[in-house]
Each structure stands twice: as C-alpha cells, then as structure tokens.
Amino acid sequence: MGGRLQDARRARGLTQQAVADRLGVARTTLVAIEKGERRIVPDELIKLAAIYGRPVSEFVTKQAVVEGFVPQFRASWKDVFVEDSELEESASELQRLAEDYLELERLCNMPPVRAYPLPYDISGASAEQIAEEMRRLKEIGWVLATAAKQFARKTGKRCWTQDFLFSDGV
C-alpha cells in the first residue's frame, strides 16, 4: 500500500513535507508509511485519499505495482514529457485502467493467460538452418501483425505496431 500512496502523492505533485503537514504528522512518519515500515491507521488513510483526490478503495484493493507507467514513460520520452503536459495525465490514466483490468480479472477469478513461446532447441543445427528458421518465424510474425492491423481497421479499433526493417529487407 505504501508504494500506491507514494505514487498518488507524486501524481499530485506534492512533497512529503506538504502532505505530512496536511495530515498532521512528521515527514518521517509519512516516509515510514510510504516505505511500508509503519502501519497506517484508518483515519490517516481516509485523509490521504482526500488529499490525493482518490477513493480509499484504490489503496486497499489493488495489487501492488512494481513500477508506475509515468516514471517509465518519463524516462523514455524525456523531451516529449516536458513539452506535452497531457502526456503524464494520459500515462496515469493508462496505469489506472490497467490496474482496474487486473482487479477485474482477480474479482472474476480469471488469472491472466501467459502464452509464452515454446523454447527453441538449436542444438545440432547449423548456422544456416537456424537463420532459415528465424526468417520463417519472422515472416509468420509479420503475417500475424498485418492480419491484426487489418482486423482492427475493419472493426473500428486502433492497433499500434512497430515496423522493423531487417538486413534481408523484410
């Protein structure tokens, strides 16, 4: 919960000292709460939710996020974040929607499906055989990506892909 409280504080652009003053506690107390070193009492949680403009349920029902989207986007798109103030809001909204989706899966007892590709055994294969197989797999991926884009267009959905140009021109 401490990490979610810290993310909410940062999203509001508030310092630990400013929040501690409004909460009526020492800054070190707030630091301990955000680090998970001190249990938060219900009254403090209610006040923090009001300060951050978020419902209490957001802090007590969702699973912990390893790292928020905003810091990741900010690190990757430094210049864009400086120029476009709406981008941070959009990244925060994307994170909230992703967390809500995960919470919905949890409530419906539907764990996310992880369909990782099977390990590819290259033992005993020549470099030429491996290269040929990689070209075949790349072609399959390109066909699937193209089909997904076409389906998205037909159904009025958006689909983002990154096109890559490989040394063999594909």
C-alpha atoms as a PDB file:
ATOM      1  CA  MET A   1       0.000   0.000   0.000  1.00  0.00           C
ATOM      2  CA  GLY A   2       2.899   2.344   0.712  1.00  0.00           C
ATOM      3  CA  GLY A   3       4.000   2.313  -2.913  1.00  0.00           C
ATOM      4  CA  ARG A   4       0.498   3.170  -4.125  1.00  0.00           C
ATOM      5  CA  LEU A   5       0.312   6.036  -1.633  1.00  0.00           C
ATOM      6  CA  GLN A   6       3.689   7.317  -2.808  1.00  0.00           C
ATOM      7  CA  ASP A   7       2.624   7.098  -6.472  1.00  0.00           C
ATOM      8  CA  ALA A   8      -0.576   9.017  -5.706  1.00  0.00           C
ATOM      9  CA  ARG A   9       1.367  11.726  -3.868  1.00  0.00           C
ATOM     10  CA  ARG A  10       3.807  12.110  -6.732  1.00  0.00           C
ATOM     11  CA  ALA A  11       0.990  12.151  -9.280  1.00  0.00           C
ATOM     12  CA  ARG A  12      -0.479  15.147  -7.434  1.00  0.00           C
ATOM     13  CA  GLY A  13       2.931  16.838  -7.427  1.00  0.00           C
ATOM     14  CA  LEU A  14       3.033  17.045  -3.630  1.00  0.00           C
ATOM     15  CA  THR A  15       6.107  16.839  -1.434  1.00  0.00           C
ATOM     16  CA  GLN A  16       6.295  14.541   1.566  1.00  0.00           C
ATOM     17  CA  GLN A  17       6.524  17.594   3.827  1.00  0.00           C
ATOM     18  CA  ALA A  18       3.398  19.215   2.356  1.00  0.00           C
ATOM     19  CA  VAL A  19       1.382  16.010   2.791  1.00  0.00           C
ATOM     20  CA  ALA A  20       2.728  15.401   6.297  1.00  0.00           C
ATOM     21  CA  ASP A  21       1.720  18.940   7.300  1.00  0.00           C
ATOM     22  CA  ARG A  22      -1.822  18.447   5.971  1.00  0.00           C
ATOM     23  CA  LEU A  23      -2.010  15.032   7.628  1.00  0.00           C
ATOM     24  CA  GLY A  24      -0.704  16.400  10.940  1.00  0.00           C
ATOM     25  CA  VAL A  25       2.262  14.026  11.223  1.00  0.00           C
ATOM     26  CA  ALA A  26       6.031  14.328  10.943  1.00  0.00           C
ATOM     27  CA  ARG A  27       7.560  13.893   7.496  1.00  0.00           C
ATOM     28  CA  THR A  28       9.468  10.877   8.794  1.00  0.00           C
ATOM     29  CA  THR A  29       6.140   9.260   9.685  1.00  0.00           C
ATOM     30  CA  LEU A  30       4.917   9.697   6.124  1.00  0.00           C
ATOM     31  CA  VAL A  31       8.219   8.294   4.818  1.00  0.00           C
ATOM     32  CA  ALA A  32       7.754   5.218   7.033  1.00  0.00           C
ATOM     33  CA  ILE A  33       4.170   4.762   5.782  1.00  0.00           C
ATOM     34  CA  GLU A  34       5.277   5.005   2.132  1.00  0.00           C
ATOM     35  CA  LYS A  35       8.101   2.520   2.730  1.00  0.00           C
ATOM     36  CA  GLY A  36       5.734   0.096   4.475  1.00  0.00           C
ATOM     37  CA  GLU A  37       7.673   0.372   7.732  1.00  0.00           C
ATOM     38  CA  ARG A  38       4.693   1.768   9.664  1.00  0.00           C
ATOM     39  CA  ARG A  39       1.099   0.638   9.531  1.00  0.00           C
ATOM     40  CA  ILE A  40      -1.342   3.308   8.518  1.00  0.00           C
ATOM     41  CA  VAL A  41      -4.382   3.868  10.691  1.00  0.00           C
ATOM     42  CA  PRO A  42      -7.804   4.167   9.042  1.00  0.00           C
ATOM     43  CA  ASP A  43      -8.178   7.903   9.748  1.00  0.00           C
ATOM     44  CA  GLU A  44      -4.821   8.612   8.104  1.00  0.00           C
ATOM     45  CA  LEU A  45      -5.776   6.576   5.046  1.00  0.00           C
ATOM     46  CA  ILE A  46      -9.071   8.436   4.689  1.00  0.00           C
ATOM     47  CA  LYS A  47      -7.281  11.794   4.952  1.00  0.00           C
ATOM     48  CA  LEU A  48      -4.601  10.769   2.444  1.00  0.00           C
ATOM     49  CA  ALA A  49      -7.237   9.598  -0.025  1.00  0.00           C
ATOM     50  CA  ALA A  50      -8.935  13.005   0.260  1.00  0.00           C
ATOM     51  CA  ILE A  51      -5.623  14.845  -0.163  1.00  0.00           C
ATOM     52  CA  TYR A  52      -4.783  12.792  -3.248  1.00  0.00           C
ATOM     53  CA  GLY A  53      -8.323  13.015  -4.645  1.00  0.00           C
ATOM     54  CA  ARG A  54      -8.705   9.259  -4.888  1.00  0.00           C
ATOM     55  CA  PRO A  55     -11.098   6.738  -3.349  1.00  0.00           C
ATOM     56  CA  VAL A  56      -9.844   4.737  -0.354  1.00  0.00           C
ATOM     57  CA  SER A  57     -10.605   1.536  -2.264  1.00  0.00           C
ATOM     58  CA  GLU A  58      -7.847   2.386  -4.733  1.00  0.00           C
ATOM     59  CA  PHE A  59      -5.277   1.947  -1.980  1.00  0.00           C
ATOM     60  CA  VAL A  60      -6.665  -1.135  -0.261  1.00  0.00           C
ATOM     61  CA  THR A  61      -7.958  -3.383  -3.055  1.00  0.00           C
ATOM     62  CA  LYS A  62      -5.449  -3.276  -5.870  1.00  0.00           C
ATOM     63  CA  GLN A  63      -2.309  -5.313  -6.152  1.00  0.00           C
ATOM     64  CA  ALA A  64       0.992  -3.522  -5.819  1.00  0.00           C
ATOM     65  CA  VAL A  65       2.505  -2.152  -8.987  1.00  0.00           C
ATOM     66  CA  VAL A  66       6.208  -2.851  -9.438  1.00  0.00           C
ATOM     67  CA  GLU A  67       6.863   0.462 -11.170  1.00  0.00           C
ATOM     68  CA  GLY A  68       4.389   3.068 -12.329  1.00  0.00           C
ATOM     69  CA  PHE A  69       3.878   3.868 -16.012  1.00  0.00           C
ATOM     70  CA  VAL A  70       4.590   7.587 -15.618  1.00  0.00           C
ATOM     71  CA  PRO A  71       8.216   7.191 -14.460  1.00  0.00           C
ATOM     72  CA  GLN A  72       8.836   4.650 -17.225  1.00  0.00           C
ATOM     73  CA  PHE A  73       7.373   6.922 -19.913  1.00  0.00           C
ATOM     74  CA  ARG A  74       9.149   9.951 -18.484  1.00  0.00           C
ATOM     75  CA  ALA A  75      12.490   8.125 -18.630  1.00  0.00           C
ATOM     76  CA  SER A  76      11.926   7.022 -22.233  1.00  0.00           C
ATOM     77  CA  TRP A  77      10.378  10.240 -23.571  1.00  0.00           C
ATOM     78  CA  LYS A  78      12.094  12.977 -21.557  1.00  0.00           C
ATOM     79  CA  ASP A  79      11.738  15.712 -24.169  1.00  0.00           C
ATOM     80  CA  VAL A  80       8.127  14.868 -25.009  1.00  0.00           C
ATOM     81  CA  PHE A  81       7.060  14.910 -21.344  1.00  0.00           C
ATOM     82  CA  VAL A  82       8.477  18.411 -20.937  1.00  0.00           C
ATOM     83  CA  GLU A  83       6.589  19.689 -23.991  1.00  0.00           C
ATOM     84  CA  ASP A  84       3.266  17.867 -23.501  1.00  0.00           C
ATOM     85  CA  SER A  85       1.659  18.164 -20.059  1.00  0.00           C
ATOM     86  CA  GLU A  86      -1.293  15.960 -21.088  1.00  0.00           C
ATOM     87  CA  LEU A  87       1.039  13.022 -21.681  1.00  0.00           C
ATOM     88  CA  GLU A  88       1.603  12.494 -17.952  1.00  0.00           C
ATOM     89  CA  GLU A  89      -2.152  12.551 -17.326  1.00  0.00           C
ATOM     90  CA  SER A  90      -2.654  10.029 -20.123  1.00  0.00           C
ATOM     91  CA  ALA A  91       0.057   7.744 -18.728  1.00  0.00           C
ATOM     92  CA  SER A  92      -1.560   7.919 -15.276  1.00  0.00           C
ATOM     93  CA  GLU A  93      -4.960   7.119 -16.758  1.00  0.00           C
ATOM     94  CA  LEU A  94      -3.466   4.197 -18.700  1.00  0.00           C
ATOM     95  CA  GLN A  95      -1.999   2.840 -15.480  1.00  0.00           C
ATOM     96  CA  ARG A  96      -5.324   3.196 -13.642  1.00  0.00           C
ATOM     97  CA  LEU A  97      -7.126   1.382 -16.457  1.00  0.00           C
ATOM     98  CA  ALA A  98      -4.544  -1.420 -16.497  1.00  0.00           C
ATOM     99  CA  GLU A  99      -4.815  -1.803 -12.715  1.00  0.00           C
ATOM    100  CA  ASP A 100      -8.608  -1.823 -12.934  1.00  0.00           C
ATOM    101  CA  TYR A 101      -8.421  -4.532 -15.592  1.00  0.00           C
ATOM    102  CA  LEU A 102      -6.161  -6.663 -13.380  1.00  0.00           C
ATOM    103  CA  GLU A 103      -8.518  -6.125 -10.439  1.00  0.00           C
ATOM    104  CA  LEU A 104     -11.479  -7.177 -12.589  1.00  0.00           C
ATOM    105  CA  GLU A 105      -9.625 -10.351 -13.586  1.00  0.00           C
ATOM    106  CA  ARG A 106      -8.903 -11.035  -9.915  1.00  0.00           C
ATOM    107  CA  LEU A 107     -12.520 -10.470  -8.867  1.00  0.00           C
ATOM    108  CA  CYS A 108     -13.766 -12.765 -11.658  1.00  0.00           C
ATOM    109  CA  ASN A 109     -11.166 -15.370 -10.696  1.00  0.00           C
ATOM    110  CA  MET A 110      -9.647 -15.162 -14.169  1.00  0.00           C
ATOM    111  CA  PRO A 111      -5.853 -15.172 -13.904  1.00  0.00           C
ATOM    112  CA  PRO A 112      -4.088 -13.683 -16.903  1.00  0.00           C
ATOM    113  CA  VAL A 113      -3.171 -16.197 -19.570  1.00  0.00           C
ATOM    114  CA  ARG A 114       0.514 -16.320 -20.275  1.00  0.00           C
ATOM    115  CA  ALA A 115       1.164 -17.913 -23.636  1.00  0.00           C
ATOM    116  CA  TYR A 116       4.922 -17.858 -23.905  1.00  0.00           C
ATOM    117  CA  PRO A 117       6.506 -19.450 -26.965  1.00  0.00           C
ATOM    118  CA  LEU A 118       7.998 -22.870 -26.503  1.00  0.00           C
ATOM    119  CA  PRO A 119      11.763 -22.995 -26.092  1.00  0.00           C
ATOM    120  CA  TYR A 120      13.506 -23.330 -29.415  1.00  0.00           C
ATOM    121  CA  ASP A 121      16.130 -26.071 -29.482  1.00  0.00           C
ATOM    122  CA  ILE A 122      19.066 -25.206 -31.725  1.00  0.00           C
ATOM    123  CA  SER A 123      21.370 -27.972 -30.605  1.00  0.00           C
ATOM    124  CA  GLY A 124      22.859 -29.805 -33.581  1.00  0.00           C
ATOM    125  CA  ALA A 125      21.576 -27.252 -36.116  1.00  0.00           C
ATOM    126  CA  SER A 126      23.870 -25.389 -38.452  1.00  0.00           C
ATOM    127  CA  ALA A 127      24.009 -21.614 -38.565  1.00  0.00           C
ATOM    128  CA  GLU A 128      22.262 -21.707 -41.955  1.00  0.00           C
ATOM    129  CA  GLN A 129      19.416 -23.867 -40.582  1.00  0.00           C
ATOM    130  CA  ILE A 130      18.948 -21.547 -37.600  1.00  0.00           C
ATOM    131  CA  ALA A 131      18.960 -18.468 -39.857  1.00  0.00           C
ATOM    132  CA  GLU A 132      16.366 -20.047 -42.165  1.00  0.00           C
ATOM    133  CA  GLU A 133      14.107 -20.910 -39.221  1.00  0.00           C
ATOM    134  CA  MET A 134      14.409 -17.351 -37.843  1.00  0.00           C
ATOM    135  CA  ARG A 135      13.420 -15.945 -41.252  1.00  0.00           C
ATOM    136  CA  ARG A 136      10.393 -18.281 -41.303  1.00  0.00           C
ATOM    137  CA  LEU A 137       9.324 -17.252 -37.796  1.00  0.00           C
ATOM    138  CA  LYS A 138       9.805 -13.578 -38.631  1.00  0.00           C
ATOM    139  CA  GLU A 139       7.601 -13.994 -41.713  1.00  0.00           C
ATOM    140  CA  ILE A 140       4.879 -15.649 -39.600  1.00  0.00           C
ATOM    141  CA  GLY A 141       5.055 -12.771 -37.125  1.00  0.00           C
ATOM    142  CA  TRP A 142       4.773 -10.217 -39.921  1.00  0.00           C
ATOM    143  CA  VAL A 143       1.730 -12.001 -41.374  1.00  0.00           C
ATOM    144  CA  LEU A 144       0.037 -12.131 -37.951  1.00  0.00           C
ATOM    145  CA  ALA A 145       0.760  -8.451 -37.269  1.00  0.00           C
ATOM    146  CA  THR A 146      -0.640  -7.478 -40.680  1.00  0.00           C
ATOM    147  CA  ALA A 147      -3.773  -9.560 -40.066  1.00  0.00           C
ATOM    148  CA  ALA A 148      -4.231  -7.933 -36.636  1.00  0.00           C
ATOM    149  CA  LYS A 149      -3.960  -4.441 -38.153  1.00  0.00           C
ATOM    150  CA  GLN A 150      -6.485  -5.305 -40.877  1.00  0.00           C
ATOM    151  CA  PHE A 151      -8.918  -6.772 -38.350  1.00  0.00           C
ATOM    152  CA  ALA A 152      -8.567  -3.695 -36.142  1.00  0.00           C
ATOM    153  CA  ARG A 153      -9.321  -1.377 -39.062  1.00  0.00           C
ATOM    154  CA  LYS A 154     -12.376  -3.412 -40.097  1.00  0.00           C
ATOM    155  CA  THR A 155     -13.808  -3.357 -36.567  1.00  0.00           C
ATOM    156  CA  GLY A 156     -13.053   0.324 -35.961  1.00  0.00           C
ATOM    157  CA  LYS A 157     -10.406  -0.371 -33.325  1.00  0.00           C
ATOM    158  CA  ARG A 158      -6.919   1.047 -33.017  1.00  0.00           C
ATOM    159  CA  CYS A 159      -3.838  -1.107 -33.365  1.00  0.00           C
ATOM    160  CA  TRP A 160      -0.292   0.142 -32.893  1.00  0.00           C
ATOM    161  CA  THR A 161       2.664  -1.757 -34.261  1.00  0.00           C
ATOM    162  CA  GLN A 162       6.305  -1.001 -34.812  1.00  0.00           C
ATOM    163  CA  ASP A 163       7.637  -1.897 -38.226  1.00  0.00           C
ATOM    164  CA  PHE A 164      11.211  -3.164 -38.301  1.00  0.00           C
ATOM    165  CA  LEU A 165      13.459  -3.391 -41.328  1.00  0.00           C
ATOM    166  CA  PHE A 166      15.820  -6.349 -41.134  1.00  0.00           C
ATOM    167  CA  SER A 167      19.050  -6.736 -43.051  1.00  0.00           C
ATOM    168  CA  ASP A 168      17.397  -9.082 -45.542  1.00  0.00           C
ATOM    169  CA  GLY A 169      14.864  -6.385 -46.486  1.00  0.00           C
ATOM    170  CA  VAL A 170      11.810  -7.955 -44.844  1.00  0.00           C
END
